[in-house]
Amino acid sequence: AAVCAKGRDTPPPVAELEARVGAYLRAVDAASGGGGVDVCRMPEAAFGPEVTPLAANAPVSSDGEAYGWHIDADPALLPPSPWTDCFGRYPNRSPGKPRFVTALVYLSPEW
C-alpha cells in the first residue's frame, strides 16, 4: 500500500497504468460528448494521511469468521473529512460530483 506514499517516486509500471486509465476515461468522455474529465489519485482529504493515494484493498476479518472490505470507492461511506465538508456524502456517479474509480490489477511475480 505504501508503493505510492507521499515522498516516494511513482514506480514506472504504476505511472504507465495511471496514464492508460486516464487516456481511456478521457477518450470515453470525449466520445460521449462529455464536458471533460480530470483524473487524479485519491486525495489525502478523502481518507486522511494514513491512507496512501493508491491503496491496496484486502479482506478484513475481525473474528476469523466474518469478512468485510475496506471502504472502497464509495463516497457515501467516507469518514468525516475535508472531502466530505466540501462534497458531502453521495452515491457514486451522482451528476456534478467527483466519481471514484477502482482499478483491479493482478501483478506478476516479477513486479
Protein backbone atom coordinates (compact mmCIF):
# COMPACT_ATOMS: atom_id res chain seq x y z
CA ALA A 1 0.00 0.00 0.00
CA ALA A 2 2.95 2.31 0.55
CA VAL A 3 4.16 1.97 -3.05
CA CYS A 4 2.88 5.47 -3.83
CA ALA A 5 3.14 7.09 -0.41
CA LYS A 6 3.93 10.78 -0.18
CA GLY A 7 7.61 11.46 -0.78
CA ARG A 8 8.22 8.31 -2.84
CA ASP A 9 8.74 8.22 -6.59
CA THR A 10 5.97 6.55 -8.55
CA PRO A 11 7.21 3.24 -9.98
CA PRO A 12 7.17 3.27 -13.82
CA PRO A 13 4.52 0.48 -14.07
CA VAL A 14 2.16 2.46 -11.81
CA ALA A 15 2.74 5.65 -13.82
CA GLU A 16 2.02 3.70 -17.03
CA LEU A 17 -1.22 2.29 -15.57
CA GLU A 18 -2.33 5.76 -14.46
CA ALA A 19 -1.59 7.18 -17.92
CA ARG A 20 -3.54 4.42 -19.68
CA VAL A 21 -6.55 4.63 -17.36
CA GLY A 22 -6.61 8.42 -17.70
CA ALA A 23 -6.36 8.24 -21.51
CA TYR A 24 -9.17 5.68 -21.65
CA LEU A 25 -11.51 7.70 -19.42
CA ARG A 26 -10.82 10.91 -21.36
CA ALA A 27 -11.49 9.12 -24.68
CA VAL A 28 -14.78 7.67 -23.41
CA ASP A 29 -15.81 11.08 -22.10
CA ALA A 30 -14.97 12.78 -25.41
CA ALA A 31 -16.76 10.11 -27.47
CA SER A 32 -19.91 10.54 -25.40
CA GLY A 33 -19.90 14.32 -25.74
CA GLY A 34 -18.92 14.83 -22.11
CA GLY A 35 -17.71 18.11 -20.72
CA GLY A 36 -14.20 16.94 -19.90
CA VAL A 37 -12.77 14.81 -17.15
CA ASP A 38 -9.94 15.22 -14.68
CA VAL A 39 -8.21 12.06 -13.48
CA CYS A 40 -6.20 12.07 -10.27
CA ARG A 41 -5.22 9.89 -7.38
CA MET A 42 -7.40 9.75 -4.30
CA PRO A 43 -6.71 12.99 -2.44
CA GLU A 44 -5.49 12.83 1.15
CA ALA A 45 -8.53 14.90 2.12
CA ALA A 46 -10.83 11.94 1.37
CA PHE A 47 -9.42 9.29 3.74
CA GLY A 48 -6.77 11.16 5.72
CA PRO A 49 -2.97 10.98 5.72
CA GLU A 50 -2.81 7.35 6.89
CA VAL A 51 -4.22 6.06 3.57
CA THR A 52 -1.89 6.34 0.59
CA PRO A 53 -3.28 7.76 -2.70
CA LEU A 54 -3.15 4.30 -4.24
CA ALA A 55 -4.26 1.82 -1.63
CA ALA A 56 -4.31 -1.94 -1.74
CA ASN A 57 -7.68 -3.40 -0.84
CA ALA A 58 -7.83 -6.56 1.18
CA PRO A 59 -10.41 -8.57 3.09
CA VAL A 60 -10.78 -7.60 6.73
CA SER A 61 -11.50 -10.21 9.40
CA SER A 62 -12.33 -9.22 12.94
CA ASP A 63 -13.04 -12.67 14.34
CA GLY A 64 -11.68 -15.12 11.74
CA GLU A 65 -15.21 -15.98 10.56
CA ALA A 66 -16.85 -12.86 9.15
CA TYR A 67 -15.14 -10.91 6.37
CA GLY A 68 -15.71 -7.45 5.00
CA TRP A 69 -13.82 -4.99 2.82
CA HIS A 70 -12.18 -1.66 3.38
CA ILE A 71 -14.22 1.37 2.36
CA ASP A 72 -13.54 1.38 -1.35
CA ALA A 73 -14.55 3.93 -3.93
CA ASP A 74 -17.82 4.77 -2.21
CA PRO A 75 -18.21 8.48 -1.46
CA ALA A 76 -21.34 7.71 0.57
CA LEU A 77 -19.25 5.82 3.16
CA LEU A 78 -16.38 8.26 3.65
CA PRO A 79 -15.44 9.23 7.20
CA PRO A 80 -15.73 12.88 8.26
CA SER A 81 -13.02 14.77 6.41
CA PRO A 82 -12.26 17.92 4.43
CA TRP A 83 -13.55 15.98 1.39
CA THR A 84 -16.99 15.40 2.93
CA ASP A 85 -17.04 19.00 4.17
CA CYS A 86 -16.64 20.13 0.55
CA PHE A 87 -18.60 17.50 -1.43
CA GLY A 88 -20.75 15.78 1.19
CA ARG A 89 -21.61 12.07 1.11
CA TYR A 90 -23.31 10.98 -2.08
CA PRO A 91 -23.85 7.91 -4.27
CA ASN A 92 -21.00 7.38 -6.70
CA ARG A 93 -21.78 8.66 -10.22
CA SER A 94 -24.03 11.44 -8.92
CA PRO A 95 -24.19 14.21 -11.56
CA GLY A 96 -21.77 17.05 -10.88
CA LYS A 97 -19.88 15.18 -8.16
CA PRO A 98 -16.41 13.58 -8.29
CA ARG A 99 -16.54 9.90 -9.25
CA PHE A 100 -14.47 7.28 -7.50
CA VAL A 101 -12.99 4.65 -9.82
CA THR A 102 -11.23 1.46 -8.78
CA ALA A 103 -8.75 -0.39 -10.97
CA LEU A 104 -8.22 -4.03 -10.05
CA VAL A 105 -4.72 -5.07 -11.12
CA TYR A 106 -3.17 -8.51 -10.84
CA LEU A 107 0.58 -8.16 -10.56
CA SER A 108 3.07 -10.62 -12.00
CA PRO A 109 5.51 -12.34 -9.59
CA GLU A 110 8.37 -10.23 -11.01
CA TRP A 111 6.66 -6.95 -10.16
